[in-house]
Structures are given as structure tokens and as C-alpha cells.
Amino acid sequence: MTEQLRLMAVHAHPDDESSKGAATTARYVAEGVKVLVATCTGGERGSVLNPKMERPEVLADIANIRRAEMARAREILGIEQAWLGFVDSGLPEGDPLPPLPDGCFGMVDPEEGALPLIRLIREFRPHVMTTYDENGGYPHPDHIMCHKVSVIAFERAGDPDYHPELGEPWQPSKLYYNSGWTRARMLALHEGMLAAGLESPYTEWLEKSEERPDRGDKITTRVECGEYFEVRDEALRAHATQVDPDGFWFRIPLELQQKVWPTEDFELARSLVDSPVPESDLFAGIREPVDAR
């Protein structure tokens, strides 16, 4: 009997699942893959980034509102989702940076922080996991901690001697990092906008691109998912406190994105199966043995 493929995406906050790899998620859900998003924190200290939502009653109830937004995005993407229960660290600002709040996710011991994720891995039994690179995609303390606990959980979940009270051991076969900003992608979209006679939102970003880390050379896997960009955008708009529907993220026409860069890109960080790169499928090297069972 064919076993259903399973994908777990580990994210720091509600909304990250919709801004990072969401079209890939939607594609795999449509293909019958079971997808679980593990959300580390509730986004309690996140700012309201949509000026249309900057109202006192929203700020006063941000934790519940973000949970409701996550529920809507979950429905749009067709995924399962679990909260790991950690508290948002907030994004520290200033020079020097202020200390992180006591008890926040960014201050947990990574070995301890990995335990609820290990339990979830052993319950869900994913074949593939995705998370962030060691820089968090960008240097938010929760994103960096998300990377740390994900790597530990990937490496420990299959060890029968490691916290056996967390469930029967399960070893995922592959771990990927979501690709963050890459100059090649931004440049392609920028040039596509100019060729179409449109103003590019990336002009200033590209002028400062030397200041931003670029991991484009580390990409191993490009998943064709352009037809699901609309689902991705709908899920992202569900996080109304975090995304302005008239803002930056939606200035590139979908048709242009689908033509110029129709993939979401990943970096293969760990693999226990034979999956030569470059790849076009997160389940490369896994589908065949799973389908044969």
C-alpha cells in the first residue's frame, strides 16, 4: 500500500508559513501530500505592519487576532498546523540592541526548545522538514532559534534513546532551508517589471544588495509552483495585521512572476537518501521507496 507523503514546515511566527514556501505547500497539498506547519510562537510581540489595522483595539488583542489570522491562512493553504507554545521575542531595535525579554523564544535553551518539536515529529512522522538557515533568513532572534531547534529536532527525533517519553522515534529523510532573498531572483523580477514598462519596487533593494547576505549559490532545489502563487498571496493577505494588501509584496503582477521566476527555492541542508542536486522536488529520493511499500 502506498504511504502518504508528509511534509513539516517549521516557522517562527504566524504569517511566516504564508510568506516562505507557501506556493510549494499549496502545490504539495493539491498533489495529496499531508502538510503540517509547526509555529514556534504566537507572534505576541509582533508589530502591526498594515496601517489599515493600526487601531488600539487591534494592538490590545494582537495575540488572539494573530491566531485567528493563522486559522484563516491554514484553511486557505489546506494544511494542518500546531503551536509549539513559545512566546515571541519581538524584534529588538537600537544601538546597542536591548536585551531580549525574559522567557521569550529567543532566550530558550535550544536543546529544551527542541523537545516539543521532537514530540511533534514523532507524532506526525514527516518524510521532509523545512526551516530557516543559520541566519534565520534574516536576523530575527526567533528565526535564528527556529533554525537551532529544527536542526536539533531533525537530528534527535530518530534516536530511540533520546527522550523516549516523547514518542516512538522517527527520522525524517531530508531537511531543507527556505531560500531567503537572492539577488538573482530580485534582479530577474526587477528587469521583468522594467521590460513591461512598470515601476520596479526592487530598485532601492538592488542598490543596497551588497549589504545583504545572498545565498543564491547555495540553492539546490527549485520547485515549480507558479500556478499556486495566487493561493500563496491569499494566505498572506489573511495575516491582515502583518501585510498591507496594497503594499510592497503585491506590486509585481502574478503573470509576470509566473513567467520570470515560477519556482520557490530551497537549500538541501541534510539528506539521508540518495538525491543528487540540483532537484525539482523536495521528495526526490523519497517518492520511489515510499511508493513501493
C-alpha atoms as a PDB file:
ATOM      1  CA  MET A   1       0.000   0.000   0.000  1.00  0.00           C
ATOM      2  CA  THR A   2       1.277   3.449  -0.886  1.00  0.00           C
ATOM      3  CA  GLU A   3       2.145   5.573   2.139  1.00  0.00           C
ATOM      4  CA  GLN A   4       1.049   9.202   2.064  1.00  0.00           C
ATOM      5  CA  LEU A   5       3.979  11.582   1.818  1.00  0.00           C
ATOM      6  CA  ARG A   6       4.301  14.039   4.687  1.00  0.00           C
ATOM      7  CA  LEU A   7       5.950  17.448   4.884  1.00  0.00           C
ATOM      8  CA  MET A   8       6.574  19.505   8.032  1.00  0.00           C
ATOM      9  CA  ALA A   9       7.399  23.205   7.738  1.00  0.00           C
ATOM     10  CA  VAL A  10       8.765  24.795  10.924  1.00  0.00           C
ATOM     11  CA  HIS A  11       8.203  28.551  11.243  1.00  0.00           C
ATOM     12  CA  ALA A  12       8.836  31.180  13.881  1.00  0.00           C
ATOM     13  CA  HIS A  13       5.590  33.184  13.740  1.00  0.00           C
ATOM     14  CA  PRO A  14       2.104  33.053  12.267  1.00  0.00           C
ATOM     15  CA  ASP A  15       2.431  34.618   8.774  1.00  0.00           C
ATOM     16  CA  ASP A  16       5.865  33.064   8.080  1.00  0.00           C
ATOM     17  CA  GLU A  17       4.179  29.972   6.633  1.00  0.00           C
ATOM     18  CA  SER A  18       2.469  32.214   4.071  1.00  0.00           C
ATOM     19  CA  SER A  19       5.493  34.317   3.106  1.00  0.00           C
ATOM     20  CA  LYS A  20       8.026  31.476   2.853  1.00  0.00           C
ATOM     21  CA  GLY A  21       7.352  28.403   0.750  1.00  0.00           C
ATOM     22  CA  ALA A  22       3.565  28.793   0.703  1.00  0.00           C
ATOM     23  CA  ALA A  23       3.117  28.123  -3.010  1.00  0.00           C
ATOM     24  CA  THR A  24       5.192  24.963  -2.649  1.00  0.00           C
ATOM     25  CA  THR A  25       2.990  23.961   0.280  1.00  0.00           C
ATOM     26  CA  ALA A  26      -0.148  24.576  -1.764  1.00  0.00           C
ATOM     27  CA  ARG A  27       1.209  22.532  -4.667  1.00  0.00           C
ATOM     28  CA  TYR A  28       2.024  19.554  -2.475  1.00  0.00           C
ATOM     29  CA  VAL A  29      -1.349  19.707  -0.731  1.00  0.00           C
ATOM     30  CA  ALA A  30      -3.020  19.639  -4.158  1.00  0.00           C
ATOM     31  CA  GLU A  31      -0.949  16.567  -5.022  1.00  0.00           C
ATOM     32  CA  GLY A  32      -2.123  14.726  -1.906  1.00  0.00           C
ATOM     33  CA  VAL A  33       0.856  15.353   0.368  1.00  0.00           C
ATOM     34  CA  LYS A  34      -0.046  15.818   4.028  1.00  0.00           C
ATOM     35  CA  VAL A  35       1.471  19.081   5.291  1.00  0.00           C
ATOM     36  CA  LEU A  36       1.877  20.214   8.892  1.00  0.00           C
ATOM     37  CA  VAL A  37       3.124  23.681   9.837  1.00  0.00           C
ATOM     38  CA  ALA A  38       4.749  23.922  13.265  1.00  0.00           C
ATOM     39  CA  THR A  39       4.519  27.518  14.512  1.00  0.00           C
ATOM     40  CA  CYS A  40       7.009  28.212  17.288  1.00  0.00           C
ATOM     41  CA  THR A  41       5.453  31.375  18.751  1.00  0.00           C
ATOM     42  CA  GLY A  42       2.137  33.202  18.733  1.00  0.00           C
ATOM     43  CA  GLY A  43       3.569  36.433  17.348  1.00  0.00           C
ATOM     44  CA  GLU A  44       2.511  38.216  20.545  1.00  0.00           C
ATOM     45  CA  ARG A  45       5.192  40.911  20.297  1.00  0.00           C
ATOM     46  CA  GLY A  46       4.914  41.450  16.565  1.00  0.00           C
ATOM     47  CA  SER A  47       4.218  44.945  15.295  1.00  0.00           C
ATOM     48  CA  VAL A  48       1.121  45.810  13.283  1.00  0.00           C
ATOM     49  CA  LEU A  49       2.613  46.316   9.821  1.00  0.00           C
ATOM     50  CA  ASN A  50      -0.584  47.169   7.959  1.00  0.00           C
ATOM     51  CA  PRO A  51      -1.524  50.830   8.518  1.00  0.00           C
ATOM     52  CA  LYS A  52      -5.180  49.940   7.957  1.00  0.00           C
ATOM     53  CA  MET A  53      -5.041  47.752  11.076  1.00  0.00           C
ATOM     54  CA  GLU A  54      -3.220  50.175  13.386  1.00  0.00           C
ATOM     55  CA  ARG A  55      -6.067  50.615  15.840  1.00  0.00           C
ATOM     56  CA  PRO A  56      -5.987  50.486  19.655  1.00  0.00           C
ATOM     57  CA  GLU A  57      -8.344  47.508  19.852  1.00  0.00           C
ATOM     58  CA  VAL A  58      -6.124  45.538  17.466  1.00  0.00           C
ATOM     59  CA  LEU A  59      -2.961  46.279  19.421  1.00  0.00           C
ATOM     60  CA  ALA A  60      -4.731  45.329  22.655  1.00  0.00           C
ATOM     61  CA  ASP A  61      -5.774  41.923  21.330  1.00  0.00           C
ATOM     62  CA  ILE A  62      -2.911  41.133  18.966  1.00  0.00           C
ATOM     63  CA  ALA A  63      -2.318  37.577  20.234  1.00  0.00           C
ATOM     64  CA  ASN A  64      -5.912  36.440  19.611  1.00  0.00           C
ATOM     65  CA  ILE A  65      -6.114  38.281  16.310  1.00  0.00           C
ATOM     66  CA  ARG A  66      -2.960  36.603  15.031  1.00  0.00           C
ATOM     67  CA  ARG A  67      -4.334  33.205  15.998  1.00  0.00           C
ATOM     68  CA  ALA A  68      -7.485  33.954  14.032  1.00  0.00           C
ATOM     69  CA  GLU A  69      -5.379  35.076  11.062  1.00  0.00           C
ATOM     70  CA  MET A  70      -3.424  31.835  11.251  1.00  0.00           C
ATOM     71  CA  ALA A  71      -6.654  29.830  11.250  1.00  0.00           C
ATOM     72  CA  ARG A  72      -7.748  31.553   8.045  1.00  0.00           C
ATOM     73  CA  ALA A  73      -4.367  31.039   6.347  1.00  0.00           C
ATOM     74  CA  ARG A  74      -4.409  27.391   7.425  1.00  0.00           C
ATOM     75  CA  GLU A  75      -7.762  26.948   5.723  1.00  0.00           C
ATOM     76  CA  ILE A  76      -6.597  28.644   2.526  1.00  0.00           C
ATOM     77  CA  LEU A  77      -3.438  26.528   2.280  1.00  0.00           C
ATOM     78  CA  GLY A  78      -5.212  23.289   3.203  1.00  0.00           C
ATOM     79  CA  ILE A  79      -2.663  22.421   5.864  1.00  0.00           C
ATOM     80  CA  GLU A  80      -2.617  21.148   9.405  1.00  0.00           C
ATOM     81  CA  GLN A  81      -0.955  23.410  11.949  1.00  0.00           C
ATOM     82  CA  ALA A  82       0.359  23.108  15.509  1.00  0.00           C
ATOM     83  CA  TRP A  83       1.532  25.727  18.003  1.00  0.00           C
ATOM     84  CA  LEU A  84       4.740  24.865  19.854  1.00  0.00           C
ATOM     85  CA  GLY A  85       3.793  27.310  22.616  1.00  0.00           C
ATOM     86  CA  PHE A  86       6.788  29.625  22.842  1.00  0.00           C
ATOM     87  CA  VAL A  87       6.498  33.384  23.398  1.00  0.00           C
ATOM     88  CA  ASP A  88       7.502  35.834  20.676  1.00  0.00           C
ATOM     89  CA  SER A  89      10.772  37.666  21.383  1.00  0.00           C
ATOM     90  CA  GLY A  90       9.945  40.785  19.409  1.00  0.00           C
ATOM     91  CA  LEU A  91      12.498  42.364  17.089  1.00  0.00           C
ATOM     92  CA  PRO A  92      14.993  44.331  19.199  1.00  0.00           C
ATOM     93  CA  GLU A  93      15.967  47.717  17.818  1.00  0.00           C
ATOM     94  CA  GLY A  94      18.620  50.221  18.807  1.00  0.00           C
ATOM     95  CA  ASP A  95      22.380  50.512  19.104  1.00  0.00           C
ATOM     96  CA  PRO A  96      23.306  48.726  21.224  1.00  0.00           C
ATOM     97  CA  LEU A  97      20.420  46.298  20.956  1.00  0.00           C
ATOM     98  CA  PRO A  98      18.373  45.919  24.142  1.00  0.00           C
ATOM     99  CA  PRO A  99      18.291  42.517  25.885  1.00  0.00           C
ATOM    100  CA  LEU A 100      15.562  40.086  24.900  1.00  0.00           C
ATOM    101  CA  PRO A 101      12.598  39.736  27.262  1.00  0.00           C
ATOM    102  CA  ASP A 102      12.827  37.039  29.918  1.00  0.00           C
ATOM    103  CA  GLY A 103      11.070  33.813  28.946  1.00  0.00           C
ATOM    104  CA  CYS A 104      10.891  34.560  25.225  1.00  0.00           C
ATOM    105  CA  PHE A 105      11.656  32.049  22.480  1.00  0.00           C
ATOM    106  CA  GLY A 106      14.966  33.662  21.581  1.00  0.00           C
ATOM    107  CA  MET A 107      16.218  33.009  25.139  1.00  0.00           C
ATOM    108  CA  VAL A 108      15.331  29.328  25.471  1.00  0.00           C
ATOM    109  CA  ASP A 109      17.983  26.649  25.666  1.00  0.00           C
ATOM    110  CA  PRO A 110      17.919  25.133  22.160  1.00  0.00           C
ATOM    111  CA  GLU A 111      18.013  21.571  23.482  1.00  0.00           C
ATOM    112  CA  GLU A 112      14.963  22.290  25.640  1.00  0.00           C
ATOM    113  CA  GLY A 113      13.296  24.234  22.865  1.00  0.00           C
ATOM    114  CA  ALA A 114      13.614  21.268  20.533  1.00  0.00           C
ATOM    115  CA  LEU A 115      11.644  18.901  22.781  1.00  0.00           C
ATOM    116  CA  PRO A 116       8.088  19.880  21.755  1.00  0.00           C
ATOM    117  CA  LEU A 117       9.180  19.779  18.124  1.00  0.00           C
ATOM    118  CA  ILE A 118      10.658  16.297  18.593  1.00  0.00           C
ATOM    119  CA  ARG A 119       7.343  15.161  20.067  1.00  0.00           C
ATOM    120  CA  LEU A 120       5.515  16.616  17.065  1.00  0.00           C
ATOM    121  CA  ILE A 121       7.911  14.968  14.590  1.00  0.00           C
ATOM    122  CA  ARG A 122       7.392  11.596  16.257  1.00  0.00           C
ATOM    123  CA  GLU A 123       3.608  12.062  16.097  1.00  0.00           C
ATOM    124  CA  PHE A 124       3.392  13.372  12.514  1.00  0.00           C
ATOM    125  CA  ARG A 125       6.310  11.352  11.082  1.00  0.00           C
ATOM    126  CA  PRO A 126       7.330  13.711   8.255  1.00  0.00           C
ATOM    127  CA  HIS A 127       9.495  12.497   5.418  1.00  0.00           C
ATOM    128  CA  VAL A 128      10.743  16.058   4.766  1.00  0.00           C
ATOM    129  CA  MET A 129      11.221  19.108   7.006  1.00  0.00           C
ATOM    130  CA  THR A 130      11.786  22.737   6.058  1.00  0.00           C
ATOM    131  CA  THR A 131      13.053  25.565   8.257  1.00  0.00           C
ATOM    132  CA  TYR A 132      15.412  28.573   8.090  1.00  0.00           C
ATOM    133  CA  ASP A 133      19.170  28.759   7.625  1.00  0.00           C
ATOM    134  CA  GLU A 134      21.541  29.598  10.467  1.00  0.00           C
ATOM    135  CA  ASN A 135      20.950  33.322   9.911  1.00  0.00           C
ATOM    136  CA  GLY A 136      17.206  32.852  10.241  1.00  0.00           C
ATOM    137  CA  GLY A 137      16.650  34.115   6.712  1.00  0.00           C
ATOM    138  CA  TYR A 138      17.042  37.487   8.395  1.00  0.00           C
ATOM    139  CA  PRO A 139      18.445  38.109  11.867  1.00  0.00           C
ATOM    140  CA  HIS A 140      15.287  37.970  13.962  1.00  0.00           C
ATOM    141  CA  PRO A 141      16.048  36.132  17.230  1.00  0.00           C
ATOM    142  CA  ASP A 142      13.000  33.885  16.824  1.00  0.00           C
ATOM    143  CA  HIS A 143      14.031  32.900  13.301  1.00  0.00           C
ATOM    144  CA  ILE A 144      17.537  32.062  14.461  1.00  0.00           C
ATOM    145  CA  MET A 145      16.189  29.999  17.351  1.00  0.00           C
ATOM    146  CA  CYS A 146      13.745  28.307  14.969  1.00  0.00           C
ATOM    147  CA  HIS A 147      16.743  27.166  12.938  1.00  0.00           C
ATOM    148  CA  LYS A 148      18.536  25.869  16.015  1.00  0.00           C
ATOM    149  CA  VAL A 149      15.639  23.849  17.418  1.00  0.00           C
ATOM    150  CA  SER A 150      14.730  22.481  13.972  1.00  0.00           C
ATOM    151  CA  VAL A 151      18.223  21.150  13.342  1.00  0.00           C
ATOM    152  CA  ILE A 152      18.409  19.573  16.798  1.00  0.00           C
ATOM    153  CA  ALA A 153      14.965  18.011  16.395  1.00  0.00           C
ATOM    154  CA  PHE A 154      15.845  16.629  12.963  1.00  0.00           C
ATOM    155  CA  GLU A 155      18.976  15.025  14.379  1.00  0.00           C
ATOM    156  CA  ARG A 156      17.430  13.681  17.612  1.00  0.00           C
ATOM    157  CA  ALA A 157      13.898  12.602  16.688  1.00  0.00           C
ATOM    158  CA  GLY A 158      15.080   9.267  15.295  1.00  0.00           C
ATOM    159  CA  ASP A 159      17.212   8.332  18.299  1.00  0.00           C
ATOM    160  CA  PRO A 160      15.303   5.761  20.404  1.00  0.00           C
ATOM    161  CA  ASP A 161      17.426   6.604  23.455  1.00  0.00           C
ATOM    162  CA  TYR A 162      16.727  10.341  23.301  1.00  0.00           C
ATOM    163  CA  HIS A 163      13.742  11.297  25.483  1.00  0.00           C
ATOM    164  CA  PRO A 164      11.749   8.127  24.796  1.00  0.00           C
ATOM    165  CA  GLU A 165       8.801   9.689  26.657  1.00  0.00           C
ATOM    166  CA  LEU A 166       8.291  11.942  23.609  1.00  0.00           C
ATOM    167  CA  GLY A 167       7.067   9.044  21.478  1.00  0.00           C
ATOM    168  CA  GLU A 168       8.253   6.361  19.103  1.00  0.00           C
ATOM    169  CA  PRO A 169      11.379   7.511  17.230  1.00  0.00           C
ATOM    170  CA  TRP A 170      11.027   8.833  13.711  1.00  0.00           C
ATOM    171  CA  GLN A 171      13.816  10.054  11.455  1.00  0.00           C
ATOM    172  CA  PRO A 172      12.866  12.486   8.668  1.00  0.00           C
ATOM    173  CA  SER A 173      14.798  11.824   5.485  1.00  0.00           C
ATOM    174  CA  LYS A 174      15.574  15.379   4.389  1.00  0.00           C
ATOM    175  CA  LEU A 175      15.916  18.847   5.882  1.00  0.00           C
ATOM    176  CA  TYR A 176      15.711  21.995   3.764  1.00  0.00           C
ATOM    177  CA  TYR A 177      16.252  25.675   4.397  1.00  0.00           C
ATOM    178  CA  ASN A 178      13.828  28.097   2.790  1.00  0.00           C
ATOM    179  CA  SER A 179      15.652  30.328   0.371  1.00  0.00           C
ATOM    180  CA  GLY A 180      15.582  33.913   1.508  1.00  0.00           C
ATOM    181  CA  TRP A 181      16.498  36.956  -0.504  1.00  0.00           C
ATOM    182  CA  THR A 182      18.582  36.205  -3.569  1.00  0.00           C
ATOM    183  CA  ARG A 183      19.957  38.854  -5.861  1.00  0.00           C
ATOM    184  CA  ALA A 184      19.291  36.765  -8.969  1.00  0.00           C
ATOM    185  CA  ARG A 185      15.569  36.494  -8.220  1.00  0.00           C
ATOM    186  CA  MET A 186      15.168  40.158  -7.347  1.00  0.00           C
ATOM    187  CA  LEU A 187      17.116  41.207 -10.429  1.00  0.00           C
ATOM    188  CA  ALA A 188      15.001  38.992 -12.687  1.00  0.00           C
ATOM    189  CA  LEU A 189      11.762  40.439 -11.307  1.00  0.00           C
ATOM    190  CA  HIS A 190      13.180  43.969 -11.419  1.00  0.00           C
ATOM    191  CA  GLU A 191      14.175  43.629 -15.072  1.00  0.00           C
ATOM    192  CA  GLY A 192      10.843  41.991 -15.876  1.00  0.00           C
ATOM    193  CA  MET A 193       8.979  44.974 -14.431  1.00  0.00           C
ATOM    194  CA  LEU A 194      11.086  47.463 -16.365  1.00  0.00           C
ATOM    195  CA  ALA A 195      10.643  45.489 -19.599  1.00  0.00           C
ATOM    196  CA  ALA A 196       6.883  45.630 -19.064  1.00  0.00           C
ATOM    197  CA  GLY A 197       7.056  49.414 -18.636  1.00  0.00           C
ATOM    198  CA  LEU A 198       6.270  49.225 -14.930  1.00  0.00           C
ATOM    199  CA  GLU A 199       7.980  50.761 -11.926  1.00  0.00           C
ATOM    200  CA  SER A 200      10.035  48.187 -10.023  1.00  0.00           C
ATOM    201  CA  PRO A 201       9.709  48.030  -6.228  1.00  0.00           C
ATOM    202  CA  TYR A 202      13.191  46.497  -6.057  1.00  0.00           C
ATOM    203  CA  THR A 203      15.259  49.458  -7.268  1.00  0.00           C
ATOM    204  CA  GLU A 204      16.364  50.562  -3.805  1.00  0.00           C
ATOM    205  CA  TRP A 205      16.875  46.980  -2.622  1.00  0.00           C
ATOM    206  CA  LEU A 206      19.175  46.204  -5.520  1.00  0.00           C
ATOM    207  CA  GLU A 207      21.179  49.373  -4.930  1.00  0.00           C
ATOM    208  CA  LYS A 208      21.859  48.121  -1.403  1.00  0.00           C
ATOM    209  CA  SER A 209      22.199  44.452  -2.325  1.00  0.00           C
ATOM    210  CA  GLU A 210      25.862  44.330  -1.389  1.00  0.00           C
ATOM    211  CA  GLU A 211      24.820  44.974   2.210  1.00  0.00           C
ATOM    212  CA  ARG A 212      22.527  41.940   2.286  1.00  0.00           C
ATOM    213  CA  PRO A 213      23.700  38.312   2.556  1.00  0.00           C
ATOM    214  CA  ASP A 214      22.981  36.445  -0.662  1.00  0.00           C
ATOM    215  CA  ARG A 215      22.745  32.638  -0.508  1.00  0.00           C
ATOM    216  CA  GLY A 216      21.766  32.200  -4.137  1.00  0.00           C
ATOM    217  CA  ASP A 217      24.782  29.983  -4.705  1.00  0.00           C
ATOM    218  CA  LYS A 218      23.502  27.549  -2.063  1.00  0.00           C
ATOM    219  CA  ILE A 219      20.166  26.812  -3.734  1.00  0.00           C
ATOM    220  CA  THR A 220      19.865  23.125  -4.596  1.00  0.00           C
ATOM    221  CA  THR A 221      16.156  22.712  -5.248  1.00  0.00           C
ATOM    222  CA  ARG A 222      13.701  24.742  -7.312  1.00  0.00           C
ATOM    223  CA  VAL A 223      10.061  23.691  -7.014  1.00  0.00           C
ATOM    224  CA  GLU A 224       7.767  24.717  -9.886  1.00  0.00           C
ATOM    225  CA  CYS A 225       4.735  26.254  -8.213  1.00  0.00           C
ATOM    226  CA  GLY A 226       3.779  29.347 -10.194  1.00  0.00           C
ATOM    227  CA  GLU A 227       0.170  28.235 -10.578  1.00  0.00           C
ATOM    228  CA  TYR A 228      -0.131  28.382  -6.766  1.00  0.00           C
ATOM    229  CA  PHE A 229       1.193  31.935  -6.343  1.00  0.00           C
ATOM    230  CA  GLU A 230      -2.395  33.175  -6.098  1.00  0.00           C
ATOM    231  CA  VAL A 231      -3.058  30.782  -3.199  1.00  0.00           C
ATOM    232  CA  ARG A 232       0.141  31.986  -1.543  1.00  0.00           C
ATOM    233  CA  ASP A 233      -0.968  35.602  -1.837  1.00  0.00           C
ATOM    234  CA  GLU A 234      -4.439  34.861  -0.493  1.00  0.00           C
ATOM    235  CA  ALA A 235      -2.897  33.143   2.533  1.00  0.00           C
ATOM    236  CA  LEU A 236      -0.542  36.063   3.056  1.00  0.00           C
ATOM    237  CA  ARG A 237      -3.422  38.563   2.930  1.00  0.00           C
ATOM    238  CA  ALA A 238      -5.148  36.540   5.649  1.00  0.00           C
ATOM    239  CA  HIS A 239      -2.484  37.888   8.016  1.00  0.00           C
ATOM    240  CA  ALA A 240      -4.015  41.348   7.829  1.00  0.00           C
ATOM    241  CA  THR A 241      -2.054  42.759  10.786  1.00  0.00           C
ATOM    242  CA  GLN A 242       1.228  41.847   9.108  1.00  0.00           C
ATOM    243  CA  VAL A 243       0.681  42.589   5.431  1.00  0.00           C
ATOM    244  CA  ASP A 244      -0.703  45.657   3.673  1.00  0.00           C
ATOM    245  CA  PRO A 245      -2.775  44.332   0.724  1.00  0.00           C
ATOM    246  CA  ASP A 246      -1.811  47.471  -1.207  1.00  0.00           C
ATOM    247  CA  GLY A 247       1.818  47.296  -0.180  1.00  0.00           C
ATOM    248  CA  PHE A 248       5.201  46.147  -1.399  1.00  0.00           C
ATOM    249  CA  TRP A 249       4.588  42.392  -1.569  1.00  0.00           C
ATOM    250  CA  PHE A 250       1.826  42.663  -4.142  1.00  0.00           C
ATOM    251  CA  ARG A 251       3.286  45.137  -6.631  1.00  0.00           C
ATOM    252  CA  ILE A 252       4.612  42.509  -9.047  1.00  0.00           C
ATOM    253  CA  PRO A 253       1.763  41.203 -11.262  1.00  0.00           C
ATOM    254  CA  LEU A 254       1.182  37.481 -10.789  1.00  0.00           C
ATOM    255  CA  GLU A 255       1.512  36.807 -14.508  1.00  0.00           C
ATOM    256  CA  LEU A 256       4.930  38.425 -14.554  1.00  0.00           C
ATOM    257  CA  GLN A 257       6.091  36.445 -11.515  1.00  0.00           C
ATOM    258  CA  GLN A 258       4.883  33.208 -13.096  1.00  0.00           C
ATOM    259  CA  LYS A 259       6.776  33.996 -16.296  1.00  0.00           C
ATOM    260  CA  VAL A 260      10.008  35.356 -14.826  1.00  0.00           C
ATOM    261  CA  TRP A 261      10.516  33.186 -11.718  1.00  0.00           C
ATOM    262  CA  PRO A 262       7.908  30.403 -11.372  1.00  0.00           C
ATOM    263  CA  THR A 263       9.691  28.492  -8.618  1.00  0.00           C
ATOM    264  CA  GLU A 264      10.238  28.618  -4.884  1.00  0.00           C
ATOM    265  CA  ASP A 265      13.786  27.759  -3.982  1.00  0.00           C
ATOM    266  CA  PHE A 266      15.349  25.731  -1.194  1.00  0.00           C
ATOM    267  CA  GLU A 267      18.724  24.673   0.143  1.00  0.00           C
ATOM    268  CA  LEU A 268      19.146  20.977   0.934  1.00  0.00           C
ATOM    269  CA  ALA A 269      20.820  21.003   4.346  1.00  0.00           C
ATOM    270  CA  ARG A 270      20.628  17.318   5.370  1.00  0.00           C
ATOM    271  CA  SER A 271      19.717  14.209   3.407  1.00  0.00           C
ATOM    272  CA  LEU A 272      19.662  10.562   4.394  1.00  0.00           C
ATOM    273  CA  VAL A 273      18.599   9.423   0.934  1.00  0.00           C
ATOM    274  CA  ASP A 274      20.250   9.481  -2.460  1.00  0.00           C
ATOM    275  CA  SER A 275      19.009  12.719  -4.026  1.00  0.00           C
ATOM    276  CA  PRO A 276      21.527  14.250  -6.431  1.00  0.00           C
ATOM    277  CA  VAL A 277      21.266  18.021  -6.813  1.00  0.00           C
ATOM    278  CA  PRO A 278      20.012  20.112  -8.458  1.00  0.00           C
ATOM    279  CA  GLU A 279      16.489  18.929  -7.688  1.00  0.00           C
ATOM    280  CA  SER A 280      12.976  19.999  -8.610  1.00  0.00           C
ATOM    281  CA  ASP A 281      11.141  18.122  -5.847  1.00  0.00           C
ATOM    282  CA  LEU A 282      11.544  18.165  -2.055  1.00  0.00           C
ATOM    283  CA  PHE A 283      10.666  14.452  -2.102  1.00  0.00           C
ATOM    284  CA  ALA A 284      13.357  13.496  -4.637  1.00  0.00           C
ATOM    285  CA  GLY A 285      14.891  10.231  -3.496  1.00  0.00           C
ATOM    286  CA  ILE A 286      11.918   9.507  -1.219  1.00  0.00           C
ATOM    287  CA  ARG A 287       8.929   9.014  -3.536  1.00  0.00           C
ATOM    288  CA  GLU A 288      10.243   5.798  -5.085  1.00  0.00           C
ATOM    289  CA  PRO A 289      10.824   3.772  -1.896  1.00  0.00           C
ATOM    290  CA  VAL A 290       7.654   5.157  -0.318  1.00  0.00           C
ATOM    291  CA  ASP A 291       5.555   4.282  -3.367  1.00  0.00           C
ATOM    292  CA  ALA A 292       6.986   0.757  -3.359  1.00  0.00           C
ATOM    293  CA  ARG A 293       5.743  -0.069   0.142  1.00  0.00           C
END
